[in-house]
């Protein structure tokens, strides 16, 4: 599965001090996935808190739109 990040997602990672490997881990191994508004919301608890990644998903690709702390 190919994971790509939008420019906004890259900006969000930097602004919120979330590491890219933490984001990839959340998308590959989420604790919970919520599907709404045509998007997938991947949630994962990491050692520093809980993050959520908003993504567009197809059979072979996941495009991360944004990521934030929840």
Protein backbone atom coordinates (compact mmCIF):
# COMPACT_ATOMS: atom_id res chain seq x y z
CA UNK A 1 0.00 0.00 0.00
CA UNK A 2 1.37 3.38 -1.03
CA UNK A 3 1.05 6.24 1.50
CA UNK A 4 1.44 9.81 0.23
CA UNK A 5 1.24 13.09 2.12
CA UNK A 6 -0.23 16.33 0.87
CA UNK A 7 1.69 19.53 1.47
CA UNK A 8 -0.83 20.37 4.17
CA UNK A 9 -0.17 17.04 5.91
CA UNK A 10 3.58 17.72 5.87
CA UNK A 11 2.94 21.18 7.32
CA UNK A 12 0.66 19.67 10.00
CA UNK A 13 3.34 17.14 11.01
CA UNK A 14 5.88 19.89 11.48
CA UNK A 15 3.52 22.31 13.24
CA UNK A 16 2.18 19.70 15.66
CA UNK A 17 5.53 18.01 16.22
CA UNK A 18 4.34 14.60 15.05
CA UNK A 19 6.98 12.37 13.48
CA UNK A 20 6.39 10.93 10.03
CA UNK A 21 7.01 7.38 11.28
CA UNK A 22 4.31 7.92 13.96
CA UNK A 23 1.90 8.94 11.20
CA UNK A 24 2.79 5.96 9.01
CA UNK A 25 2.35 3.63 12.00
CA UNK A 26 -1.08 5.16 12.68
CA UNK A 27 -2.18 4.57 9.09
CA UNK A 28 -0.77 1.05 8.80
CA UNK A 29 -1.76 -0.15 12.29
CA UNK A 30 -4.61 2.05 13.57
CA UNK A 31 -6.42 1.47 16.84
CA UNK A 32 -9.63 2.64 15.20
CA UNK A 33 -10.86 3.68 11.73
CA UNK A 34 -13.87 5.94 11.30
CA UNK A 35 -15.40 6.38 7.85
CA UNK A 36 -17.39 9.58 7.29
CA UNK A 37 -17.73 12.35 4.73
CA UNK A 38 -16.08 10.08 2.16
CA UNK A 39 -12.83 10.08 4.17
CA UNK A 40 -11.09 7.62 6.50
CA UNK A 41 -10.06 8.83 9.96
CA UNK A 42 -7.23 6.68 11.33
CA UNK A 43 -6.76 6.96 15.10
CA UNK A 44 -3.75 5.68 17.02
CA UNK A 45 -2.52 6.08 20.58
CA UNK A 46 1.21 6.68 20.65
CA UNK A 47 3.49 7.17 23.63
CA UNK A 48 2.92 10.97 23.61
CA UNK A 49 -0.85 10.96 23.13
CA UNK A 50 -3.48 10.14 20.51
CA UNK A 51 -3.32 11.21 16.87
CA UNK A 52 -5.83 11.16 14.05
CA UNK A 53 -4.98 11.16 10.34
CA UNK A 54 -7.62 12.19 7.80
CA UNK A 55 -7.09 10.28 4.55
CA UNK A 56 -8.53 9.50 1.16
CA UNK A 57 -8.23 5.77 0.51
CA UNK A 58 -8.34 3.67 -2.65
CA UNK A 59 -7.48 0.00 -3.12
CA UNK A 60 -3.75 0.67 -3.51
CA UNK A 61 -3.17 4.19 -2.20
CA UNK A 62 -3.74 6.26 0.90
CA UNK A 63 -3.39 10.03 0.65
CA UNK A 64 -2.98 11.74 4.03
CA UNK A 65 -4.73 15.11 4.02
CA UNK A 66 -3.99 16.23 7.58
CA UNK A 67 -2.98 14.89 10.97
CA UNK A 68 -3.62 16.25 14.47
CA UNK A 69 -3.73 15.43 18.17
CA UNK A 70 -7.08 14.38 19.66
